[in-house]
Amino acid sequence: MANAVVAVFDEYNEAQSAVNELLVAGFGKNEIKLSGKESAPRAKGFFQSLFGKPQEDKDIRLYDEAVKHGNFVVTAIAGTEEKSDIASEVMKHHHPVDLDERSGEWLGNQSAPPSREARTIPVIEEEVKIGKREVQRGGVRIFQRVSETPIEEEVTLREERVVVERSPVDRRASEADLGAFKEGMTELREKAEEAVVSKTARVVEEVRVGKEVTERKQKIKDTARRTEVDVQRAGDDDYRAHWQEASASQGGQYDEYLPAYQYGATAAGSREFKGRGWNEVEPNLRHDWEARNPGSAWERFKDSVRHAFEKMSG
């Protein structure tokens, strides 16, 4: 039989984050169920079928009451012990409620209706990060080629040529002539000069190519968007009636006081001031109001803030 890992959360966004992480961890959509107040009529039957226990079982009643009180129940069906451990760790990451502490509240007073219906509205703020990246700006290309230049120069060349001349002679042979009266060979060689071209490569210029790196500062201007959530009770007839009675005689228009009523209503619903009395929270509200509204007199708008705060708290 598959194991069921169940956790209860106060806020919807916490429960939804747990569901998203379970999906990433390998659980299928059919293995996860998110139960809220909208599904309360079906939730009890789901828990009964899940646990296979009698209707009066404490666990079934506990989860059923959690849904009725506006909480959110996330159920993960784990087919193995390993997946059961994974589901338990995921649930712990998202701050589930302590059921031992809540069981007395929920099961001890089942007939008491939930005090209010909870709904989460996210406040979204953009985070701006300024960085840098490298881009191509251009550059230099170096081409190397060989060119030829015609050279013309005149050179004087020496050349030898053997010339043979015969002359008729009629004289008595001398001793020298008689010494040459024998067989032999006389050889004369001709010499000549020819033009020779030699080339020597010489470096006559150098081209250096490099990079010069500089740094500059640039001021980046942009905007970061953020949603502002103002809470106002449906219909402003009550605020307008209070303004007419308490502030209209002091001058000014109702639209000038409306932000003060909205501020008081929002503060009453916040976690910081929820459940606290006016005298306890007034110093903090005054400091926050003056920081948000420089130059706006607190004493002028205090009664409007207090009226909305106490109206919302009640």
C-alpha atoms as a PDB file:
ATOM      1  CA  MET A   1       0.000   0.000   0.000  1.00  0.00           C
ATOM      2  CA  ALA A   2       1.319   3.483  -0.887  1.00  0.00           C
ATOM      3  CA  ASN A   3       2.261   5.899   1.872  1.00  0.00           C
ATOM      4  CA  ALA A   4       0.552   9.292   2.159  1.00  0.00           C
ATOM      5  CA  VAL A   5       2.592  12.267   3.369  1.00  0.00           C
ATOM      6  CA  VAL A   6       0.329  15.132   4.509  1.00  0.00           C
ATOM      7  CA  ALA A   7       1.209  18.671   5.632  1.00  0.00           C
ATOM      8  CA  VAL A   8      -0.900  21.706   6.554  1.00  0.00           C
ATOM      9  CA  PHE A   9       0.063  25.297   5.636  1.00  0.00           C
ATOM     10  CA  ASP A  10      -1.298  28.677   6.718  1.00  0.00           C
ATOM     11  CA  GLU A  11      -0.670  30.421   3.405  1.00  0.00           C
ATOM     12  CA  TYR A  12      -1.565  29.364  -0.116  1.00  0.00           C
ATOM     13  CA  ASN A  13       1.795  30.409  -1.564  1.00  0.00           C
ATOM     14  CA  GLU A  14       3.609  28.141   0.930  1.00  0.00           C
ATOM     15  CA  ALA A  15       1.421  25.192  -0.038  1.00  0.00           C
ATOM     16  CA  GLN A  16       1.808  25.889  -3.772  1.00  0.00           C
ATOM     17  CA  SER A  17       5.609  26.150  -3.388  1.00  0.00           C
ATOM     18  CA  ALA A  18       5.620  22.728  -1.733  1.00  0.00           C
ATOM     19  CA  VAL A  19       3.567  21.319  -4.641  1.00  0.00           C
ATOM     20  CA  ASN A  20       5.997  22.810  -7.172  1.00  0.00           C
ATOM     21  CA  GLU A  21       9.014  21.312  -5.402  1.00  0.00           C
ATOM     22  CA  LEU A  22       7.316  17.896  -5.230  1.00  0.00           C
ATOM     23  CA  LEU A  23       6.808  18.016  -9.003  1.00  0.00           C
ATOM     24  CA  VAL A  24      10.500  18.827  -9.484  1.00  0.00           C
ATOM     25  CA  ALA A  25      11.414  15.966  -7.144  1.00  0.00           C
ATOM     26  CA  GLY A  26       9.709  13.461  -9.454  1.00  0.00           C
ATOM     27  CA  PHE A  27       6.134  13.219  -8.174  1.00  0.00           C
ATOM     28  CA  GLY A  28       3.405  13.123 -10.799  1.00  0.00           C
ATOM     29  CA  LYS A  29       0.446  15.498 -10.805  1.00  0.00           C
ATOM     30  CA  ASN A  30      -1.867  12.590  -9.994  1.00  0.00           C
ATOM     31  CA  GLU A  31       0.228  11.861  -6.870  1.00  0.00           C
ATOM     32  CA  ILE A  32      -0.235  15.342  -5.371  1.00  0.00           C
ATOM     33  CA  LYS A  33      -3.380  17.024  -4.088  1.00  0.00           C
ATOM     34  CA  LEU A  34      -3.782  20.561  -2.734  1.00  0.00           C
ATOM     35  CA  SER A  35      -6.949  20.989  -0.643  1.00  0.00           C
ATOM     36  CA  GLY A  36      -8.271  24.405   0.362  1.00  0.00           C
ATOM     37  CA  LYS A  37     -11.454  25.947   1.659  1.00  0.00           C
ATOM     38  CA  GLU A  38     -13.017  25.908  -1.804  1.00  0.00           C
ATOM     39  CA  SER A  39     -12.728  22.123  -1.833  1.00  0.00           C
ATOM     40  CA  ALA A  40     -13.914  21.650   1.788  1.00  0.00           C
ATOM     41  CA  PRO A  41     -17.129  19.765   0.845  1.00  0.00           C
ATOM     42  CA  ARG A  42     -15.039  17.105  -0.942  1.00  0.00           C
ATOM     43  CA  ALA A  43     -11.975  17.165   1.299  1.00  0.00           C
ATOM     44  CA  LYS A  44     -13.386  14.949   4.072  1.00  0.00           C
ATOM     45  CA  GLY A  45     -14.368  12.233   1.621  1.00  0.00           C
ATOM     46  CA  PHE A  46     -10.917  12.423   0.053  1.00  0.00           C
ATOM     47  CA  PHE A  47      -9.201  11.954   3.423  1.00  0.00           C
ATOM     48  CA  GLN A  48     -11.472   9.037   4.280  1.00  0.00           C
ATOM     49  CA  SER A  49     -10.705   7.288   0.999  1.00  0.00           C
ATOM     50  CA  LEU A  50      -7.012   8.068   1.407  1.00  0.00           C
ATOM     51  CA  PHE A  51      -6.541   6.680   4.898  1.00  0.00           C
ATOM     52  CA  GLY A  52      -9.215   3.996   4.703  1.00  0.00           C
ATOM     53  CA  LYS A  53     -10.288   4.711   8.303  1.00  0.00           C
ATOM     54  CA  PRO A  54     -13.643   5.335   9.955  1.00  0.00           C
ATOM     55  CA  GLN A  55     -15.217   8.761   9.599  1.00  0.00           C
ATOM     56  CA  GLU A  56     -14.670   9.599  13.271  1.00  0.00           C
ATOM     57  CA  ASP A  57     -10.897   8.981  13.079  1.00  0.00           C
ATOM     58  CA  LYS A  58      -8.971  11.890  14.660  1.00  0.00           C
ATOM     59  CA  ASP A  59      -6.582  12.394  11.744  1.00  0.00           C
ATOM     60  CA  ILE A  60      -9.399  12.667   9.220  1.00  0.00           C
ATOM     61  CA  ARG A  61     -11.261  15.158  11.400  1.00  0.00           C
ATOM     62  CA  LEU A  62      -8.068  17.157  11.982  1.00  0.00           C
ATOM     63  CA  TYR A  63      -7.326  17.661   8.286  1.00  0.00           C
ATOM     64  CA  ASP A  64     -10.983  18.348   7.593  1.00  0.00           C
ATOM     65  CA  GLU A  65     -11.037  21.092  10.252  1.00  0.00           C
ATOM     66  CA  ALA A  66      -7.778  22.538   8.903  1.00  0.00           C
ATOM     67  CA  VAL A  67      -9.423  23.061   5.515  1.00  0.00           C
ATOM     68  CA  LYS A  68     -12.568  24.541   7.105  1.00  0.00           C
ATOM     69  CA  HIS A  69     -10.428  27.034   9.074  1.00  0.00           C
ATOM     70  CA  GLY A  70      -8.905  28.420   5.891  1.00  0.00           C
ATOM     71  CA  ASN A  71      -5.680  26.417   5.874  1.00  0.00           C
ATOM     72  CA  PHE A  72      -4.268  24.461   2.938  1.00  0.00           C
ATOM     73  CA  VAL A  73      -3.489  20.732   2.998  1.00  0.00           C
ATOM     74  CA  VAL A  74      -0.926  19.195   0.651  1.00  0.00           C
ATOM     75  CA  THR A  75      -1.032  15.403   0.211  1.00  0.00           C
ATOM     76  CA  ALA A  76       1.695  13.425  -1.566  1.00  0.00           C
ATOM     77  CA  ILE A  77       1.202   9.739  -2.446  1.00  0.00           C
ATOM     78  CA  ALA A  78       4.588   7.991  -2.150  1.00  0.00           C
ATOM     79  CA  GLY A  79       4.908   4.562  -3.731  1.00  0.00           C
ATOM     80  CA  THR A  80       8.176   3.760  -1.957  1.00  0.00           C
ATOM     81  CA  GLU A  81       9.791   4.478   1.378  1.00  0.00           C
ATOM     82  CA  GLU A  82      12.416   6.569  -0.400  1.00  0.00           C
ATOM     83  CA  LYS A  83       9.800   8.808  -2.019  1.00  0.00           C
ATOM     84  CA  SER A  84       8.038   9.096   1.322  1.00  0.00           C
ATOM     85  CA  ASP A  85      11.247  10.473   2.878  1.00  0.00           C
ATOM     86  CA  ILE A  86      11.684  12.888  -0.027  1.00  0.00           C
ATOM     87  CA  ALA A  87       8.120  14.171   0.362  1.00  0.00           C
ATOM     88  CA  SER A  88       8.631  14.691   4.112  1.00  0.00           C
ATOM     89  CA  GLU A  89      11.789  16.748   3.518  1.00  0.00           C
ATOM     90  CA  VAL A  90      10.073  18.872   0.867  1.00  0.00           C
ATOM     91  CA  MET A  91       7.159  19.624   3.196  1.00  0.00           C
ATOM     92  CA  LYS A  92       9.533  20.726   5.986  1.00  0.00           C
ATOM     93  CA  HIS A  93      11.213  23.242   3.662  1.00  0.00           C
ATOM     94  CA  HIS A  94       8.008  25.280   3.395  1.00  0.00           C
ATOM     95  CA  HIS A  95       7.144  25.729   7.088  1.00  0.00           C
ATOM     96  CA  PRO A  96       4.039  23.604   7.725  1.00  0.00           C
ATOM     97  CA  VAL A  97       1.978  24.285  10.860  1.00  0.00           C
ATOM     98  CA  ASP A  98       2.488  22.329  14.082  1.00  0.00           C
ATOM     99  CA  LEU A  99      -0.556  20.035  14.179  1.00  0.00           C
ATOM    100  CA  ASP A 100      -0.069  19.243  17.860  1.00  0.00           C
ATOM    101  CA  GLU A 101      -0.547  22.910  18.677  1.00  0.00           C
ATOM    102  CA  ARG A 102      -3.499  23.411  16.330  1.00  0.00           C
ATOM    103  CA  SER A 103      -5.390  20.205  17.100  1.00  0.00           C
ATOM    104  CA  GLY A 104      -6.745  21.560  20.392  1.00  0.00           C
ATOM    105  CA  GLU A 105      -7.974  24.707  18.680  1.00  0.00           C
ATOM    106  CA  TRP A 106      -9.586  22.934  15.739  1.00  0.00           C
ATOM    107  CA  LEU A 107     -10.998  19.801  17.368  1.00  0.00           C
ATOM    108  CA  GLY A 108     -11.929  21.477  20.664  1.00  0.00           C
ATOM    109  CA  ASN A 109     -14.346  23.896  19.033  1.00  0.00           C
ATOM    110  CA  GLN A 110     -15.598  22.357  15.824  1.00  0.00           C
ATOM    111  CA  SER A 111     -18.810  24.365  15.842  1.00  0.00           C
ATOM    112  CA  ALA A 112     -17.038  27.732  15.802  1.00  0.00           C
ATOM    113  CA  PRO A 113     -17.020  29.164  12.271  1.00  0.00           C
ATOM    114  CA  PRO A 114     -13.751  30.421  10.809  1.00  0.00           C
ATOM    115  CA  SER A 115     -13.152  34.078  11.692  1.00  0.00           C
ATOM    116  CA  ARG A 116     -12.160  35.183   8.191  1.00  0.00           C
ATOM    117  CA  GLU A 117     -11.357  33.914   4.779  1.00  0.00           C
ATOM    118  CA  ALA A 118      -7.683  34.140   3.852  1.00  0.00           C
ATOM    119  CA  ARG A 119      -6.440  35.125   0.420  1.00  0.00           C
ATOM    120  CA  THR A 120      -2.872  35.789  -0.589  1.00  0.00           C
ATOM    121  CA  ILE A 121      -2.014  38.626  -2.968  1.00  0.00           C
ATOM    122  CA  PRO A 122       1.661  38.632  -3.978  1.00  0.00           C
ATOM    123  CA  VAL A 123       3.656  41.846  -3.857  1.00  0.00           C
ATOM    124  CA  ILE A 124       6.082  41.703  -6.779  1.00  0.00           C
ATOM    125  CA  GLU A 125       9.255  43.755  -6.944  1.00  0.00           C
ATOM    126  CA  GLU A 126      11.790  43.775  -9.767  1.00  0.00           C
ATOM    127  CA  GLU A 127      15.418  43.251  -8.892  1.00  0.00           C
ATOM    128  CA  VAL A 128      17.753  45.176 -11.172  1.00  0.00           C
ATOM    129  CA  LYS A 129      21.281  43.861 -11.698  1.00  0.00           C
ATOM    130  CA  ILE A 130      23.810  45.859 -13.678  1.00  0.00           C
ATOM    131  CA  GLY A 131      26.476  43.778 -15.389  1.00  0.00           C
ATOM    132  CA  LYS A 132      28.640  43.959 -18.455  1.00  0.00           C
ATOM    133  CA  ARG A 133      29.315  41.880 -21.532  1.00  0.00           C
ATOM    134  CA  GLU A 134      31.960  41.857 -24.225  1.00  0.00           C
ATOM    135  CA  VAL A 135      30.909  43.018 -27.697  1.00  0.00           C
ATOM    136  CA  GLN A 136      32.731  43.358 -31.015  1.00  0.00           C
ATOM    137  CA  ARG A 137      33.471  46.998 -31.874  1.00  0.00           C
ATOM    138  CA  GLY A 138      35.674  46.575 -34.984  1.00  0.00           C
ATOM    139  CA  GLY A 139      39.366  45.993 -35.505  1.00  0.00           C
ATOM    140  CA  VAL A 140      42.311  46.021 -37.911  1.00  0.00           C
ATOM    141  CA  ARG A 141      43.100  43.406 -40.510  1.00  0.00           C
ATOM    142  CA  ILE A 142      46.738  43.086 -41.641  1.00  0.00           C
ATOM    143  CA  PHE A 143      47.331  41.719 -45.163  1.00  0.00           C
ATOM    144  CA  GLN A 144      50.841  40.747 -46.256  1.00  0.00           C
ATOM    145  CA  ARG A 145      51.653  40.418 -49.967  1.00  0.00           C
ATOM    146  CA  VAL A 146      54.771  40.429 -52.180  1.00  0.00           C
ATOM    147  CA  SER A 147      55.140  43.157 -54.809  1.00  0.00           C
ATOM    148  CA  GLU A 148      57.719  43.339 -57.616  1.00  0.00           C
ATOM    149  CA  THR A 149      59.535  46.498 -58.769  1.00  0.00           C
ATOM    150  CA  PRO A 150      61.384  46.460 -62.150  1.00  0.00           C
ATOM    151  CA  ILE A 151      65.163  47.126 -61.736  1.00  0.00           C
ATOM    152  CA  GLU A 152      67.307  48.207 -64.726  1.00  0.00           C
ATOM    153  CA  GLU A 153      71.073  48.816 -64.464  1.00  0.00           C
ATOM    154  CA  GLU A 154      73.931  48.872 -67.041  1.00  0.00           C
ATOM    155  CA  VAL A 155      77.062  46.740 -66.374  1.00  0.00           C
ATOM    156  CA  THR A 156      80.337  46.479 -68.402  1.00  0.00           C
ATOM    157  CA  LEU A 157      81.322  42.906 -69.237  1.00  0.00           C
ATOM    158  CA  ARG A 158      84.820  41.837 -70.381  1.00  0.00           C
ATOM    159  CA  GLU A 159      85.148  39.223 -73.085  1.00  0.00           C
ATOM    160  CA  GLU A 160      88.241  37.446 -74.521  1.00  0.00           C
ATOM    161  CA  ARG A 161      88.509  36.066 -78.075  1.00  0.00           C
ATOM    162  CA  VAL A 162      91.440  34.123 -79.606  1.00  0.00           C
ATOM    163  CA  VAL A 163      92.631  35.637 -82.862  1.00  0.00           C
ATOM    164  CA  VAL A 164      94.767  33.553 -85.275  1.00  0.00           C
ATOM    165  CA  GLU A 165      96.800  35.385 -87.909  1.00  0.00           C
ATOM    166  CA  ARG A 166      99.035  33.821 -90.572  1.00  0.00           C
ATOM    167  CA  SER A 167     101.795  35.856 -92.282  1.00  0.00           C
ATOM    168  CA  PRO A 168     104.084  34.580 -95.068  1.00  0.00           C
ATOM    169  CA  VAL A 169     107.754  34.688 -93.965  1.00  0.00           C
ATOM    170  CA  ASP A 170     110.978  33.768 -95.860  1.00  0.00           C
ATOM    171  CA  ARG A 171     113.996  33.685 -93.545  1.00  0.00           C
ATOM    172  CA  ARG A 172     116.642  31.276 -92.291  1.00  0.00           C
ATOM    173  CA  ALA A 173     115.485  29.182 -89.303  1.00  0.00           C
ATOM    174  CA  SER A 174     117.111  30.224 -86.068  1.00  0.00           C
ATOM    175  CA  GLU A 175     118.093  28.079 -83.154  1.00  0.00           C
ATOM    176  CA  ALA A 176     114.774  28.923 -81.483  1.00  0.00           C
ATOM    177  CA  ASP A 177     112.916  27.940 -84.560  1.00  0.00           C
ATOM    178  CA  LEU A 178     114.769  24.664 -84.746  1.00  0.00           C
ATOM    179  CA  GLY A 179     113.903  24.039 -81.043  1.00  0.00           C
ATOM    180  CA  ALA A 180     110.255  24.309 -81.907  1.00  0.00           C
ATOM    181  CA  PHE A 181     110.631  21.985 -84.819  1.00  0.00           C
ATOM    182  CA  LYS A 182     108.775  19.069 -83.250  1.00  0.00           C
ATOM    183  CA  GLU A 183     105.270  17.795 -82.762  1.00  0.00           C
ATOM    184  CA  GLY A 184     103.184  19.363 -80.006  1.00  0.00           C
ATOM    185  CA  MET A 185     100.020  21.323 -79.181  1.00  0.00           C
ATOM    186  CA  THR A 186      99.471  24.825 -78.022  1.00  0.00           C
ATOM    187  CA  GLU A 187      96.127  25.730 -76.400  1.00  0.00           C
ATOM    188  CA  LEU A 188      94.692  29.185 -75.655  1.00  0.00           C
ATOM    189  CA  ARG A 189      91.373  29.549 -73.827  1.00  0.00           C
ATOM    190  CA  GLU A 190      88.991  32.425 -74.184  1.00  0.00           C
ATOM    191  CA  LYS A 191      87.383  34.073 -71.113  1.00  0.00           C
ATOM    192  CA  ALA A 192      84.342  36.278 -70.871  1.00  0.00           C
ATOM    193  CA  GLU A 193      82.314  37.982 -68.113  1.00  0.00           C
ATOM    194  CA  GLU A 194      78.561  37.516 -67.784  1.00  0.00           C
ATOM    195  CA  ALA A 195      76.055  39.406 -65.663  1.00  0.00           C
ATOM    196  CA  VAL A 196      75.092  37.752 -62.380  1.00  0.00           C
ATOM    197  CA  VAL A 197      72.062  38.931 -60.310  1.00  0.00           C
ATOM    198  CA  SER A 198      72.085  38.195 -56.572  1.00  0.00           C
ATOM    199  CA  LYS A 199      69.369  39.170 -54.136  1.00  0.00           C
ATOM    200  CA  THR A 200      69.690  39.733 -50.404  1.00  0.00           C
ATOM    201  CA  ALA A 201      66.544  40.221 -48.281  1.00  0.00           C
ATOM    202  CA  ARG A 202      66.784  43.141 -45.851  1.00  0.00           C
ATOM    203  CA  VAL A 203      64.269  44.327 -43.250  1.00  0.00           C
ATOM    204  CA  VAL A 204      63.506  47.969 -44.010  1.00  0.00           C
ATOM    205  CA  GLU A 205      60.406  48.543 -41.852  1.00  0.00           C
ATOM    206  CA  GLU A 206      58.468  46.910 -39.003  1.00  0.00           C
ATOM    207  CA  VAL A 207      54.715  47.023 -38.477  1.00  0.00           C
ATOM    208  CA  ARG A 208      53.683  46.363 -34.885  1.00  0.00           C
ATOM    209  CA  VAL A 209      50.093  45.355 -34.176  1.00  0.00           C
ATOM    210  CA  GLY A 210      48.766  45.280 -30.616  1.00  0.00           C
ATOM    211  CA  LYS A 211      45.825  46.280 -28.416  1.00  0.00           C
ATOM    212  CA  GLU A 212      45.520  49.251 -26.142  1.00  0.00           C
ATOM    213  CA  VAL A 213      43.099  48.587 -23.250  1.00  0.00           C
ATOM    214  CA  THR A 214      41.331  51.468 -21.534  1.00  0.00           C
ATOM    215  CA  GLU A 215      38.519  51.544 -19.000  1.00  0.00           C
ATOM    216  CA  ARG A 216      35.638  53.960 -18.724  1.00  0.00           C
ATOM    217  CA  LYS A 217      32.762  54.382 -16.334  1.00  0.00           C
ATOM    218  CA  GLN A 218      29.187  54.587 -17.568  1.00  0.00           C
ATOM    219  CA  LYS A 219      26.222  55.535 -15.449  1.00  0.00           C
ATOM    220  CA  ILE A 220      23.235  53.255 -16.066  1.00  0.00           C
ATOM    221  CA  LYS A 221      19.774  54.601 -15.389  1.00  0.00           C
ATOM    222  CA  ASP A 222      16.703  52.357 -15.338  1.00  0.00           C
ATOM    223  CA  THR A 223      13.618  51.715 -13.270  1.00  0.00           C
ATOM    224  CA  ALA A 224      12.587  48.844 -11.007  1.00  0.00           C
ATOM    225  CA  ARG A 225       8.877  48.154 -10.882  1.00  0.00           C
ATOM    226  CA  ARG A 226       7.041  47.044  -7.751  1.00  0.00           C
ATOM    227  CA  THR A 227       3.396  46.312  -7.198  1.00  0.00           C
ATOM    228  CA  GLU A 228       1.707  48.176  -4.373  1.00  0.00           C
ATOM    229  CA  VAL A 229      -1.244  46.439  -2.752  1.00  0.00           C
ATOM    230  CA  ASP A 230      -3.802  48.600  -0.977  1.00  0.00           C
ATOM    231  CA  VAL A 231      -6.536  46.893   1.014  1.00  0.00           C
ATOM    232  CA  GLN A 232      -9.936  48.531   1.222  1.00  0.00           C
ATOM    233  CA  ARG A 233     -13.187  47.108   2.506  1.00  0.00           C
ATOM    234  CA  ALA A 234     -15.664  46.699  -0.341  1.00  0.00           C
ATOM    235  CA  GLY A 235     -17.545  49.994  -0.617  1.00  0.00           C
ATOM    236  CA  ASP A 236     -16.275  53.186   1.000  1.00  0.00           C
ATOM    237  CA  ASP A 237     -19.593  54.447   2.355  1.00  0.00           C
ATOM    238  CA  ASP A 238     -18.412  53.887   5.925  1.00  0.00           C
ATOM    239  CA  TYR A 239     -15.178  55.846   5.358  1.00  0.00           C
ATOM    240  CA  ARG A 240     -17.032  58.684   3.640  1.00  0.00           C
ATOM    241  CA  ALA A 241     -19.565  58.871   6.457  1.00  0.00           C
ATOM    242  CA  HIS A 242     -16.792  58.997   9.059  1.00  0.00           C
ATOM    243  CA  TRP A 243     -14.960  61.715   7.117  1.00  0.00           C
ATOM    244  CA  GLN A 244     -18.164  63.762   6.839  1.00  0.00           C
ATOM    245  CA  GLU A 245     -18.643  63.572  10.610  1.00  0.00           C
ATOM    246  CA  ALA A 246     -15.065  63.941  11.834  1.00  0.00           C
ATOM    247  CA  SER A 247     -12.962  65.728   9.229  1.00  0.00           C
ATOM    248  CA  ALA A 248     -15.063  67.540   6.635  1.00  0.00           C
ATOM    249  CA  SER A 249     -15.408  70.595   8.873  1.00  0.00           C
ATOM    250  CA  GLN A 250     -11.601  70.973   8.953  1.00  0.00           C
ATOM    251  CA  GLY A 251     -11.489  71.593   5.204  1.00  0.00           C
ATOM    252  CA  GLY A 252     -10.100  69.460   2.425  1.00  0.00           C
ATOM    253  CA  GLN A 253     -11.646  66.869   0.169  1.00  0.00           C
ATOM    254  CA  TYR A 254     -12.520  63.251   0.904  1.00  0.00           C
ATOM    255  CA  ASP A 255      -9.978  62.045  -1.682  1.00  0.00           C
ATOM    256  CA  GLU A 256      -7.218  63.561   0.496  1.00  0.00           C
ATOM    257  CA  TYR A 257      -8.267  61.371   3.431  1.00  0.00           C
ATOM    258  CA  LEU A 258      -8.963  58.172   1.455  1.00  0.00           C
ATOM    259  CA  PRO A 259      -5.267  57.051   1.473  1.00  0.00           C
ATOM    260  CA  ALA A 260      -5.297  57.315   5.284  1.00  0.00           C
ATOM    261  CA  TYR A 261      -8.321  55.010   5.527  1.00  0.00           C
ATOM    262  CA  GLN A 262      -6.672  52.572   3.121  1.00  0.00           C
ATOM    263  CA  TYR A 263      -3.440  52.694   5.125  1.00  0.00           C
ATOM    264  CA  GLY A 264      -5.259  51.889   8.370  1.00  0.00           C
ATOM    265  CA  ALA A 265      -7.150  48.968   6.794  1.00  0.00           C
ATOM    266  CA  THR A 266      -3.956  47.551   5.294  1.00  0.00           C
ATOM    267  CA  ALA A 267      -2.086  47.814   8.590  1.00  0.00           C
ATOM    268  CA  ALA A 268      -4.864  45.978  10.446  1.00  0.00           C
ATOM    269  CA  GLY A 269      -4.563  43.015   8.068  1.00  0.00           C
ATOM    270  CA  SER A 270      -0.761  42.821   8.163  1.00  0.00           C
ATOM    271  CA  ARG A 271       1.060  40.179  10.200  1.00  0.00           C
ATOM    272  CA  GLU A 272       2.959  42.832  12.151  1.00  0.00           C
ATOM    273  CA  PHE A 273      -0.116  44.562  13.566  1.00  0.00           C
ATOM    274  CA  LYS A 274      -2.775  41.853  13.365  1.00  0.00           C
ATOM    275  CA  GLY A 275      -4.524  41.300  16.705  1.00  0.00           C
ATOM    276  CA  ARG A 276      -2.929  44.329  18.418  1.00  0.00           C
ATOM    277  CA  GLY A 277      -4.714  47.343  19.866  1.00  0.00           C
ATOM    278  CA  TRP A 278      -4.551  50.917  18.560  1.00  0.00           C
ATOM    279  CA  ASN A 279      -2.649  52.378  21.523  1.00  0.00           C
ATOM    280  CA  GLU A 280       0.015  49.715  21.124  1.00  0.00           C
ATOM    281  CA  VAL A 281       0.576  50.175  17.400  1.00  0.00           C
ATOM    282  CA  GLU A 282       0.071  53.954  17.007  1.00  0.00           C
ATOM    283  CA  PRO A 283       3.778  54.930  17.515  1.00  0.00           C
ATOM    284  CA  ASN A 284       4.888  52.453  14.855  1.00  0.00           C
ATOM    285  CA  LEU A 285       2.131  53.507  12.465  1.00  0.00           C
ATOM    286  CA  ARG A 286       2.980  57.159  12.917  1.00  0.00           C
ATOM    287  CA  HIS A 287       6.662  56.578  12.194  1.00  0.00           C
ATOM    288  CA  ASP A 288       5.839  54.528   9.086  1.00  0.00           C
ATOM    289  CA  TRP A 289       3.231  57.031   7.857  1.00  0.00           C
ATOM    290  CA  GLU A 290       5.601  59.985   8.143  1.00  0.00           C
ATOM    291  CA  ALA A 291       8.333  58.026   6.350  1.00  0.00           C
ATOM    292  CA  ARG A 292       5.950  57.172   3.482  1.00  0.00           C
ATOM    293  CA  ASN A 293       4.341  60.635   3.335  1.00  0.00           C
ATOM    294  CA  PRO A 294       6.925  63.356   4.050  1.00  0.00           C
ATOM    295  CA  GLY A 295       5.248  66.615   4.941  1.00  0.00           C
ATOM    296  CA  SER A 296       1.873  64.978   5.599  1.00  0.00           C
ATOM    297  CA  ALA A 297       0.736  65.844   9.150  1.00  0.00           C
ATOM    298  CA  TRP A 298      -0.031  62.705  11.156  1.00  0.00           C
ATOM    299  CA  GLU A 299      -2.363  64.540  13.532  1.00  0.00           C
ATOM    300  CA  ARG A 300      -4.544  65.583  10.615  1.00  0.00           C
ATOM    301  CA  PHE A 301      -5.050  62.063   9.303  1.00  0.00           C
ATOM    302  CA  LYS A 302      -4.682  60.042  12.512  1.00  0.00           C
ATOM    303  CA  ASP A 303      -8.442  59.733  13.171  1.00  0.00           C
ATOM    304  CA  SER A 304      -8.996  58.366   9.645  1.00  0.00           C
ATOM    305  CA  VAL A 305      -6.210  55.790  10.055  1.00  0.00           C
ATOM    306  CA  ARG A 306      -7.525  54.754  13.475  1.00  0.00           C
ATOM    307  CA  HIS A 307     -11.118  54.416  12.270  1.00  0.00           C
ATOM    308  CA  ALA A 308     -10.145  52.087   9.416  1.00  0.00           C
ATOM    309  CA  PHE A 309      -7.676  50.139  11.602  1.00  0.00           C
ATOM    310  CA  GLU A 310     -10.235  49.459  14.337  1.00  0.00           C
ATOM    311  CA  LYS A 311     -12.991  48.784  11.798  1.00  0.00           C
ATOM    312  CA  MET A 312     -10.840  46.169  10.061  1.00  0.00           C
ATOM    313  CA  SER A 313      -9.562  44.688  13.328  1.00  0.00           C
ATOM    314  CA  GLY A 314     -13.093  44.246  14.633  1.00  0.00           C
END
